[in-house]
Amino acid sequence: MTRSLEQTILRGKPLKTLAYLKSEETENYALGISNEIDTTYGYIHKVIKRFEEQGLVTTEKHSRKNIITLTEEGETLAEHATGLIDGIEAVEEKRETEGSQ
């Protein structure tokens, strides 16, 4: 079953994965990503496979790790994912501040 790009990305952990791949401190292999965003290696492996099918990332074997690299389209979407996550966090922080007053 082929998922649409929207179905692939617009969920919490895939969105965080995409944003994480854009960040400076990225450990760009599945186990490093799974540790960073607190999910299982198997789940991240599936997400990366879907991203690869959608043309958002490429993977290349280095030693024992598959290194994940964003494509040009992946870079663009990762920038938007980062903005969306930052916006969500800002709204949540504002709500918490207003709720504690």
PDB file of N, CA and C in Angstrom:
ATOM      1  N   MET A   1       0.835  -1.170   0.000  1.00  0.00           N
ATOM      2  CA  MET A   1       0.000   0.000   0.000  1.00  0.00           C
ATOM      3  C   MET A   1       0.891   1.249   0.000  1.00  0.00           C
ATOM      4  N   THR A   2       0.720   2.094  -0.968  1.00  0.00           N
ATOM      5  CA  THR A   2       1.488   3.325  -1.053  1.00  0.00           C
ATOM      6  C   THR A   2       0.727   4.434  -0.355  1.00  0.00           C
ATOM      7  N   ARG A   3       1.408   5.107   0.548  1.00  0.00           N
ATOM      8  CA  ARG A   3       0.802   6.207   1.287  1.00  0.00           C
ATOM      9  C   ARG A   3       1.067   7.507   0.542  1.00  0.00           C
ATOM     10  N   SER A   4       0.150   8.440   0.685  1.00  0.00           N
ATOM     11  CA  SER A   4       0.379   9.766   0.115  1.00  0.00           C
ATOM     12  C   SER A   4       1.425  10.470   0.961  1.00  0.00           C
ATOM     13  N   LEU A   5       1.997  11.504   0.407  1.00  0.00           N
ATOM     14  CA  LEU A   5       2.978  12.287   1.138  1.00  0.00           C
ATOM     15  C   LEU A   5       2.370  12.842   2.420  1.00  0.00           C
ATOM     16  N   GLU A   6       1.153  13.320   2.341  1.00  0.00           N
ATOM     17  CA  GLU A   6       0.462  13.857   3.517  1.00  0.00           C
ATOM     18  C   GLU A   6       0.319  12.790   4.592  1.00  0.00           C
ATOM     19  N   GLN A   7      -0.091  11.588   4.206  1.00  0.00           N
ATOM     20  CA  GLN A   7      -0.254  10.505   5.171  1.00  0.00           C
ATOM     21  C   GLN A   7       1.082  10.103   5.795  1.00  0.00           C
ATOM     22  N   THR A   8       2.150  10.244   5.036  1.00  0.00           N
ATOM     23  CA  THR A   8       3.468   9.865   5.524  1.00  0.00           C
ATOM     24  C   THR A   8       3.991  10.844   6.553  1.00  0.00           C
ATOM     25  N   ILE A   9       3.805  12.132   6.315  1.00  0.00           N
ATOM     26  CA  ILE A   9       4.456  13.156   7.123  1.00  0.00           C
ATOM     27  C   ILE A   9       3.611  13.680   8.271  1.00  0.00           C
ATOM     28  N   LEU A  10       2.337  13.924   8.051  1.00  0.00           N
ATOM     29  CA  LEU A  10       1.542  14.649   9.041  1.00  0.00           C
ATOM     30  C   LEU A  10       1.086  13.776  10.203  1.00  0.00           C
ATOM     31  N   ARG A  11       2.042  13.233  10.897  1.00  0.00           N
ATOM     32  CA  ARG A  11       1.845  12.503  12.127  1.00  0.00           C
ATOM     33  C   ARG A  11       3.002  12.888  13.025  1.00  0.00           C
ATOM     34  N   GLY A  12       2.849  12.756  14.299  1.00  0.00           N
ATOM     35  CA  GLY A  12       3.832  13.266  15.256  1.00  0.00           C
ATOM     36  C   GLY A  12       5.268  12.824  15.035  1.00  0.00           C
ATOM     37  N   LYS A  13       5.533  11.549  15.094  1.00  0.00           N
ATOM     38  CA  LYS A  13       6.917  11.080  15.032  1.00  0.00           C
ATOM     39  C   LYS A  13       7.532  11.229  13.640  1.00  0.00           C
ATOM     40  N   PRO A  14       6.796  10.950  12.563  1.00  0.00           N
ATOM     41  CA  PRO A  14       7.397  11.233  11.249  1.00  0.00           C
ATOM     42  C   PRO A  14       7.737  12.714  11.080  1.00  0.00           C
ATOM     43  N   LEU A  15       6.877  13.590  11.569  1.00  0.00           N
ATOM     44  CA  LEU A  15       7.133  15.024  11.483  1.00  0.00           C
ATOM     45  C   LEU A  15       8.386  15.378  12.287  1.00  0.00           C
ATOM     46  N   LYS A  16       8.498  14.837  13.490  1.00  0.00           N
ATOM     47  CA  LYS A  16       9.677  15.081  14.317  1.00  0.00           C
ATOM     48  C   LYS A  16      10.933  14.504  13.665  1.00  0.00           C
ATOM     49  N   THR A  17      10.799  13.345  13.032  1.00  0.00           N
ATOM     50  CA  THR A  17      11.939  12.730  12.346  1.00  0.00           C
ATOM     51  C   THR A  17      12.441  13.624  11.231  1.00  0.00           C
ATOM     52  N   LEU A  18      11.528  14.134  10.440  1.00  0.00           N
ATOM     53  CA  LEU A  18      11.894  15.012   9.333  1.00  0.00           C
ATOM     54  C   LEU A  18      12.585  16.267   9.853  1.00  0.00           C
ATOM     55  N   ALA A  19      12.031  16.872  10.883  1.00  0.00           N
ATOM     56  CA  ALA A  19      12.632  18.066  11.475  1.00  0.00           C
ATOM     57  C   ALA A  19      14.005  17.737  12.076  1.00  0.00           C
ATOM     58  N   TYR A  20      14.119  16.601  12.716  1.00  0.00           N
ATOM     59  CA  TYR A  20      15.386  16.207  13.331  1.00  0.00           C
ATOM     60  C   TYR A  20      16.476  16.026  12.284  1.00  0.00           C
ATOM     61  N   LEU A  21      16.127  15.467  11.143  1.00  0.00           N
ATOM     62  CA  LEU A  21      17.115  15.278  10.082  1.00  0.00           C
ATOM     63  C   LEU A  21      17.660  16.611   9.586  1.00  0.00           C
ATOM     64  N   LYS A  22      16.902  17.669   9.760  1.00  0.00           N
ATOM     65  CA  LYS A  22      17.321  19.013   9.341  1.00  0.00           C
ATOM     66  C   LYS A  22      18.216  19.679  10.383  1.00  0.00           C
ATOM     67  N   SER A  23      18.134  19.254  11.625  1.00  0.00           N
ATOM     68  CA  SER A  23      18.859  19.932  12.700  1.00  0.00           C
ATOM     69  C   SER A  23      20.365  19.715  12.579  1.00  0.00           C
ATOM     70  N   GLU A  24      21.102  20.587  13.229  1.00  0.00           N
ATOM     71  CA  GLU A  24      22.564  20.556  13.178  1.00  0.00           C
ATOM     72  C   GLU A  24      23.154  19.345  13.916  1.00  0.00           C
ATOM     73  N   GLU A  25      22.529  18.947  15.011  1.00  0.00           N
ATOM     74  CA  GLU A  25      23.105  17.883  15.837  1.00  0.00           C
ATOM     75  C   GLU A  25      22.612  16.486  15.447  1.00  0.00           C
ATOM     76  N   THR A  26      22.161  16.338  14.226  1.00  0.00           N
ATOM     77  CA  THR A  26      21.565  15.095  13.772  1.00  0.00           C
ATOM     78  C   THR A  26      22.531  13.920  13.793  1.00  0.00           C
ATOM     79  N   GLU A  27      22.071  12.844  14.391  1.00  0.00           N
ATOM     80  CA  GLU A  27      22.723  11.551  14.206  1.00  0.00           C
ATOM     81  C   GLU A  27      21.914  10.899  13.105  1.00  0.00           C
ATOM     82  N   ASN A  28      22.414  10.974  11.891  1.00  0.00           N
ATOM     83  CA  ASN A  28      21.599  10.629  10.735  1.00  0.00           C
ATOM     84  C   ASN A  28      21.631   9.141  10.385  1.00  0.00           C
ATOM     85  N   TYR A  29      21.311   8.339  11.358  1.00  0.00           N
ATOM     86  CA  TYR A  29      21.086   6.914  11.154  1.00  0.00           C
ATOM     87  C   TYR A  29      19.934   6.503  12.071  1.00  0.00           C
ATOM     88  N   ALA A  30      19.260   5.428  11.717  1.00  0.00           N
ATOM     89  CA  ALA A  30      17.989   5.080  12.351  1.00  0.00           C
ATOM     90  C   ALA A  30      18.070   4.944  13.875  1.00  0.00           C
ATOM     91  N   LEU A  31      19.089   4.269  14.387  1.00  0.00           N
ATOM     92  CA  LEU A  31      19.173   4.083  15.840  1.00  0.00           C
ATOM     93  C   LEU A  31      19.383   5.414  16.558  1.00  0.00           C
ATOM     94  N   GLY A  32      20.222   6.277  16.008  1.00  0.00           N
ATOM     95  CA  GLY A  32      20.443   7.592  16.611  1.00  0.00           C
ATOM     96  C   GLY A  32      19.172   8.418  16.634  1.00  0.00           C
ATOM     97  N   ILE A  33      18.413   8.366  15.538  1.00  0.00           N
ATOM     98  CA  ILE A  33      17.149   9.107  15.461  1.00  0.00           C
ATOM     99  C   ILE A  33      16.148   8.546  16.458  1.00  0.00           C
ATOM    100  N   SER A  34      16.044   7.221  16.513  1.00  0.00           N
ATOM    101  CA  SER A  34      15.063   6.613  17.426  1.00  0.00           C
ATOM    102  C   SER A  34      15.371   6.973  18.872  1.00  0.00           C
ATOM    103  N   ASN A  35      16.637   7.011  19.236  1.00  0.00           N
ATOM    104  CA  ASN A  35      17.011   7.410  20.602  1.00  0.00           C
ATOM    105  C   ASN A  35      16.659   8.871  20.855  1.00  0.00           C
ATOM    106  N   GLU A  36      16.888   9.714  19.875  1.00  0.00           N
ATOM    107  CA  GLU A  36      16.675  11.149  20.050  1.00  0.00           C
ATOM    108  C   GLU A  36      15.190  11.504  20.167  1.00  0.00           C
ATOM    109  N   ILE A  37      14.330  10.880  19.364  1.00  0.00           N
ATOM    110  CA  ILE A  37      12.914  11.253  19.420  1.00  0.00           C
ATOM    111  C   ILE A  37      12.083  10.259  20.228  1.00  0.00           C
ATOM    112  N   ASP A  38      12.775   9.367  20.952  1.00  0.00           N
ATOM    113  CA  ASP A  38      12.139   8.461  21.904  1.00  0.00           C
ATOM    114  C   ASP A  38      11.088   7.552  21.270  1.00  0.00           C
ATOM    115  N   THR A  39      11.548   6.772  20.312  1.00  0.00           N
ATOM    116  CA  THR A  39      10.695   5.752  19.712  1.00  0.00           C
ATOM    117  C   THR A  39      11.571   4.551  19.359  1.00  0.00           C
ATOM    118  N   THR A  40      10.980   3.513  18.831  1.00  0.00           N
ATOM    119  CA  THR A  40      11.745   2.299  18.559  1.00  0.00           C
ATOM    120  C   THR A  40      12.497   2.397  17.234  1.00  0.00           C
ATOM    121  N   TYR A  41      13.563   1.627  17.158  1.00  0.00           N
ATOM    122  CA  TYR A  41      14.348   1.539  15.931  1.00  0.00           C
ATOM    123  C   TYR A  41      13.462   1.038  14.785  1.00  0.00           C
ATOM    124  N   GLY A  42      12.652   0.030  15.050  1.00  0.00           N
ATOM    125  CA  GLY A  42      11.785  -0.543  14.013  1.00  0.00           C
ATOM    126  C   GLY A  42      10.827   0.484  13.429  1.00  0.00           C
ATOM    127  N   TYR A  43      10.267   1.317  14.282  1.00  0.00           N
ATOM    128  CA  TYR A  43       9.340   2.340  13.804  1.00  0.00           C
ATOM    129  C   TYR A  43      10.073   3.348  12.926  1.00  0.00           C
ATOM    130  N   ILE A  44      11.239   3.822  13.376  1.00  0.00           N
ATOM    131  CA  ILE A  44      12.006   4.790  12.592  1.00  0.00           C
ATOM    132  C   ILE A  44      12.451   4.162  11.276  1.00  0.00           C
ATOM    133  N   HIS A  45      12.808   2.905  11.301  1.00  0.00           N
ATOM    134  CA  HIS A  45      13.209   2.219  10.065  1.00  0.00           C
ATOM    135  C   HIS A  45      12.066   2.265   9.045  1.00  0.00           C
ATOM    136  N   LYS A  46      10.841   2.015   9.504  1.00  0.00           N
ATOM    137  CA  LYS A  46       9.673   2.082   8.611  1.00  0.00           C
ATOM    138  C   LYS A  46       9.455   3.506   8.095  1.00  0.00           C
ATOM    139  N   VAL A  47       9.581   4.488   8.973  1.00  0.00           N
ATOM    140  CA  VAL A  47       9.390   5.888   8.580  1.00  0.00           C
ATOM    141  C   VAL A  47      10.424   6.273   7.522  1.00  0.00           C
ATOM    142  N   ILE A  48      11.677   5.907   7.752  1.00  0.00           N
ATOM    143  CA  ILE A  48      12.745   6.241   6.795  1.00  0.00           C
ATOM    144  C   ILE A  48      12.492   5.545   5.466  1.00  0.00           C
ATOM    145  N   LYS A  49      12.025   4.332   5.500  1.00  0.00           N
ATOM    146  CA  LYS A  49      11.691   3.600   4.270  1.00  0.00           C
ATOM    147  C   LYS A  49      10.594   4.351   3.502  1.00  0.00           C
ATOM    148  N   ARG A  50       9.566   4.826   4.219  1.00  0.00           N
ATOM    149  CA  ARG A  50       8.496   5.593   3.573  1.00  0.00           C
ATOM    150  C   ARG A  50       9.029   6.907   3.007  1.00  0.00           C
ATOM    151  N   PHE A  51       9.882   7.573   3.771  1.00  0.00           N
ATOM    152  CA  PHE A  51      10.492   8.817   3.280  1.00  0.00           C
ATOM    153  C   PHE A  51      11.291   8.551   2.006  1.00  0.00           C
ATOM    154  N   GLU A  52      11.988   7.437   1.996  1.00  0.00           N
ATOM    155  CA  GLU A  52      12.785   7.088   0.817  1.00  0.00           C
ATOM    156  C   GLU A  52      11.879   6.819  -0.389  1.00  0.00           C
ATOM    157  N   GLU A  53      10.783   6.105  -0.164  1.00  0.00           N
ATOM    158  CA  GLU A  53       9.815   5.841  -1.239  1.00  0.00           C
ATOM    159  C   GLU A  53       9.223   7.138  -1.785  1.00  0.00           C
ATOM    160  N   GLN A  54       9.064   8.142  -0.923  1.00  0.00           N
ATOM    161  CA  GLN A  54       8.499   9.430  -1.325  1.00  0.00           C
ATOM    162  C   GLN A  54       9.561  10.373  -1.901  1.00  0.00           C
ATOM    163  N   GLY A  55      10.820   9.954  -1.888  1.00  0.00           N
ATOM    164  CA  GLY A  55      11.881  10.785  -2.437  1.00  0.00           C
ATOM    165  C   GLY A  55      12.347  11.896  -1.520  1.00  0.00           C
ATOM    166  N   LEU A  56      12.119  11.741  -0.223  1.00  0.00           N
ATOM    167  CA  LEU A  56      12.504  12.775   0.735  1.00  0.00           C
ATOM    168  C   LEU A  56      13.898  12.557   1.308  1.00  0.00           C
ATOM    169  N   VAL A  57      14.358  11.311   1.307  1.00  0.00           N
ATOM    170  CA  VAL A  57      15.690  10.979   1.810  1.00  0.00           C
ATOM    171  C   VAL A  57      16.357   9.955   0.907  1.00  0.00           C
ATOM    172  N   THR A  58      17.669   9.885   1.054  1.00  0.00           N
ATOM    173  CA  THR A  58      18.424   8.790   0.461  1.00  0.00           C
ATOM    174  C   THR A  58      19.182   8.121   1.599  1.00  0.00           C
ATOM    175  N   THR A  59      19.496   6.865   1.433  1.00  0.00           N
ATOM    176  CA  THR A  59      20.299   6.164   2.433  1.00  0.00           C
ATOM    177  C   THR A  59      21.520   5.577   1.740  1.00  0.00           C
ATOM    178  N   GLU A  60      22.624   5.610   2.447  1.00  0.00           N
ATOM    179  CA  GLU A  60      23.877   5.079   1.913  1.00  0.00           C
ATOM    180  C   GLU A  60      24.595   4.321   3.019  1.00  0.00           C
ATOM    181  N   LYS A  61      25.024   3.124   2.706  1.00  0.00           N
ATOM    182  CA  LYS A  61      25.688   2.267   3.693  1.00  0.00           C
ATOM    183  C   LYS A  61      27.098   2.781   3.970  1.00  0.00           C
ATOM    184  N   HIS A  62      27.380   3.063   5.251  1.00  0.00           N
ATOM    185  CA  HIS A  62      28.714   3.426   5.715  1.00  0.00           C
ATOM    186  C   HIS A  62      29.033   2.498   6.871  1.00  0.00           C
ATOM    187  N   SER A  63      30.013   1.645   6.684  1.00  0.00           N
ATOM    188  CA  SER A  63      30.371   0.690   7.708  1.00  0.00           C
ATOM    189  C   SER A  63      29.127  -0.150   8.050  1.00  0.00           C
ATOM    190  N   ARG A  64      28.664  -0.083   9.284  1.00  0.00           N
ATOM    191  CA  ARG A  64      27.487  -0.869   9.671  1.00  0.00           C
ATOM    192  C   ARG A  64      26.222  -0.034   9.737  1.00  0.00           C
ATOM    193  N   LYS A  65      26.325   1.257   9.413  1.00  0.00           N
ATOM    194  CA  LYS A  65      25.167   2.143   9.512  1.00  0.00           C
ATOM    195  C   LYS A  65      24.711   2.584   8.130  1.00  0.00           C
ATOM    196  N   ASN A  66      23.396   2.754   7.997  1.00  0.00           N
ATOM    197  CA  ASN A  66      22.839   3.385   6.809  1.00  0.00           C
ATOM    198  C   ASN A  66      22.676   4.863   7.125  1.00  0.00           C
ATOM    199  N   ILE A  67      23.454   5.698   6.465  1.00  0.00           N
ATOM    200  CA  ILE A  67      23.420   7.137   6.694  1.00  0.00           C
ATOM    201  C   ILE A  67      22.263   7.722   5.887  1.00  0.00           C
ATOM    202  N   ILE A  68      21.456   8.532   6.541  1.00  0.00           N
ATOM    203  CA  ILE A  68      20.247   9.105   5.940  1.00  0.00           C
ATOM    204  C   ILE A  68      20.521  10.566   5.599  1.00  0.00           C
ATOM    205  N   THR A  69      20.215  10.928   4.357  1.00  0.00           N
ATOM    206  CA  THR A  69      20.433  12.296   3.886  1.00  0.00           C
ATOM    207  C   THR A  69      19.147  12.821   3.266  1.00  0.00           C
ATOM    208  N   LEU A  70      18.780  14.035   3.628  1.00  0.00           N
ATOM    209  CA  LEU A  70      17.604  14.668   3.033  1.00  0.00           C
ATOM    210  C   LEU A  70      17.876  15.017   1.574  1.00  0.00           C
ATOM    211  N   THR A  71      16.886  14.802   0.717  1.00  0.00           N
ATOM    212  CA  THR A  71      16.963  15.263  -0.667  1.00  0.00           C
ATOM    213  C   THR A  71      16.566  16.739  -0.681  1.00  0.00           C
ATOM    214  N   GLU A  72      16.601  17.354  -1.839  1.00  0.00           N
ATOM    215  CA  GLU A  72      16.197  18.758  -1.940  1.00  0.00           C
ATOM    216  C   GLU A  72      14.750  18.938  -1.483  1.00  0.00           C
ATOM    217  N   GLU A  73      13.858  18.041  -1.931  1.00  0.00           N
ATOM    218  CA  GLU A  73      12.457  18.104  -1.486  1.00  0.00           C
ATOM    219  C   GLU A  73      12.356  17.853   0.017  1.00  0.00           C
ATOM    220  N   GLY A  74      13.139  16.912   0.508  1.00  0.00           N
ATOM    221  CA  GLY A  74      13.149  16.616   1.935  1.00  0.00           C
ATOM    222  C   GLY A  74      13.612  17.812   2.757  1.00  0.00           C
ATOM    223  N   GLU A  75      14.626  18.511   2.259  1.00  0.00           N
ATOM    224  CA  GLU A  75      15.115  19.723   2.929  1.00  0.00           C
ATOM    225  C   GLU A  75      13.998  20.761   3.049  1.00  0.00           C
ATOM    226  N   THR A  76      13.293  20.975   1.940  1.00  0.00           N
ATOM    227  CA  THR A  76      12.207  21.961   1.929  1.00  0.00           C
ATOM    228  C   THR A  76      11.130  21.590   2.934  1.00  0.00           C
ATOM    229  N   LEU A  77      10.701  20.340   2.910  1.00  0.00           N
ATOM    230  CA  LEU A  77       9.656  19.909   3.845  1.00  0.00           C
ATOM    231  C   LEU A  77      10.154  19.903   5.284  1.00  0.00           C
ATOM    232  N   ALA A  78      11.426  19.589   5.491  1.00  0.00           N
ATOM    233  CA  ALA A  78      11.989  19.595   6.840  1.00  0.00           C
ATOM    234  C   ALA A  78      11.997  21.005   7.421  1.00  0.00           C
ATOM    235  N   GLU A  79      12.260  21.996   6.583  1.00  0.00           N
ATOM    236  CA  GLU A  79      12.204  23.389   7.053  1.00  0.00           C
ATOM    237  C   GLU A  79      10.793  23.734   7.515  1.00  0.00           C
ATOM    238  N   HIS A  80       9.806  23.317   6.732  1.00  0.00           N
ATOM    239  CA  HIS A  80       8.410  23.574   7.104  1.00  0.00           C
ATOM    240  C   HIS A  80       8.035  22.787   8.362  1.00  0.00           C
ATOM    241  N   ALA A  81       8.517  21.543   8.469  1.00  0.00           N
ATOM    242  CA  ALA A  81       8.235  20.725   9.656  1.00  0.00           C
ATOM    243  C   ALA A  81       8.800  21.386  10.903  1.00  0.00           C
ATOM    244  N   THR A  82      10.014  21.910  10.788  1.00  0.00           N
ATOM    245  CA  THR A  82      10.647  22.590  11.914  1.00  0.00           C
ATOM    246  C   THR A  82       9.828  23.806  12.322  1.00  0.00           C
ATOM    247  N   GLY A  83       9.382  24.579  11.335  1.00  0.00           N
ATOM    248  CA  GLY A  83       8.551  25.749  11.620  1.00  0.00           C
ATOM    249  C   GLY A  83       7.246  25.372  12.281  1.00  0.00           C
ATOM    250  N   LEU A  84       6.622  24.305  11.803  1.00  0.00           N
ATOM    251  CA  LEU A  84       5.355  23.848  12.377  1.00  0.00           C
ATOM    252  C   LEU A  84       5.550  23.399  13.825  1.00  0.00           C
ATOM    253  N   ILE A  85       6.581  22.633  14.076  1.00  0.00           N
ATOM    254  CA  ILE A  85       6.849  22.161  15.436  1.00  0.00           C
ATOM    255  C   ILE A  85       7.145  23.342  16.355  1.00  0.00           C
ATOM    256  N   ASP A  86       7.969  24.286  15.880  1.00  0.00           N
ATOM    257  CA  ASP A  86       8.266  25.479  16.686  1.00  0.00           C
ATOM    258  C   ASP A  86       6.989  26.267  16.984  1.00  0.00           C
ATOM    259  N   GLY A  87       6.108  26.392  15.985  1.00  0.00           N
ATOM    260  CA  GLY A  87       4.844  27.101  16.180  1.00  0.00           C
ATOM    261  C   GLY A  87       3.953  26.413  17.192  1.00  0.00           C
ATOM    262  N   ILE A  88       3.876  25.101  17.113  1.00  0.00           N
ATOM    263  CA  ILE A  88       3.068  24.331  18.063  1.00  0.00           C
ATOM    264  C   ILE A  88       3.616  24.511  19.475  1.00  0.00           C
ATOM    265  N   GLU A  89       4.929  24.429  19.627  1.00  0.00           N
ATOM    266  CA  GLU A  89       5.549  24.589  20.941  1.00  0.00           C
ATOM    267  C   GLU A  89       5.300  25.984  21.507  1.00  0.00           C
ATOM    268  N   ALA A  90       5.336  27.003  20.645  1.00  0.00           N
ATOM    269  CA  ALA A  90       5.087  28.382  21.092  1.00  0.00           C
ATOM    270  C   ALA A  90       3.653  28.536  21.591  1.00  0.00           C
ATOM    271  N   VAL A  91       2.709  27.963  20.867  1.00  0.00           N
ATOM    272  CA  VAL A  91       1.305  28.037  21.279  1.00  0.00           C
ATOM    273  C   VAL A  91       1.109  27.296  22.604  1.00  0.00           C
ATOM    274  N   GLU A  92       1.694  26.107  22.727  1.00  0.00           N
ATOM    275  CA  GLU A  92       1.552  25.350  23.966  1.00  0.00           C
ATOM    276  C   GLU A  92       2.172  26.092  25.144  1.00  0.00           C
ATOM    277  N   GLU A  93       3.335  26.706  24.917  1.00  0.00           N
ATOM    278  CA  GLU A  93       3.995  27.462  25.983  1.00  0.00           C
ATOM    279  C   GLU A  93       3.151  28.669  26.397  1.00  0.00           C
ATOM    280  N   LYS A  94       2.567  29.345  25.433  1.00  0.00           N
ATOM    281  CA  LYS A  94       1.704  30.491  25.721  1.00  0.00           C
ATOM    282  C   LYS A  94       0.494  30.041  26.546  1.00  0.00           C
ATOM    283  N   ARG A  95      -0.104  28.917  26.145  1.00  0.00           N
ATOM    284  CA  ARG A  95      -1.269  28.419  26.887  1.00  0.00           C
ATOM    285  C   ARG A  95      -0.910  28.068  28.319  1.00  0.00           C
ATOM    286  N   GLU A  96       0.275  27.445  28.497  1.00  0.00           N
ATOM    287  CA  GLU A  96       0.710  27.086  29.849  1.00  0.00           C
ATOM    288  C   GLU A  96       0.928  28.339  30.692  1.00  0.00           C
ATOM    289  N   THR A  97       1.539  29.349  30.100  1.00  0.00           N
ATOM    290  CA  THR A  97       1.798  30.614  30.812  1.00  0.00           C
ATOM    291  C   THR A  97       0.498  31.288  31.194  1.00  0.00           C
ATOM    292  N   GLU A  98      -0.445  31.355  30.260  1.00  0.00           N
ATOM    293  CA  GLU A  98      -1.723  31.991  30.533  1.00  0.00           C
ATOM    294  C   GLU A  98      -2.530  31.191  31.544  1.00  0.00           C
ATOM    295  N   GLY A  99      -2.389  29.875  31.514  1.00  0.00           N
ATOM    296  CA  GLY A  99      -3.120  29.021  32.445  1.00  0.00           C
ATOM    297  C   GLY A  99      -2.624  29.117  33.864  1.00  0.00           C
ATOM    298  N   SER A 100      -1.340  29.470  34.038  1.00  0.00           N
ATOM    299  CA  SER A 100      -0.769  29.531  35.390  1.00  0.00           C
ATOM    300  C   SER A 100      -0.933  30.917  36.023  1.00  0.00           C
ATOM    301  N   GLN A 101      -1.531  31.865  35.313  1.00  0.00           N
ATOM    302  CA  GLN A 101      -1.703  33.214  35.863  1.00  0.00           C
ATOM    303  C   GLN A 101      -2.987  33.345  36.616  1.00  0.00           C
TER     304      GLN A 101
END
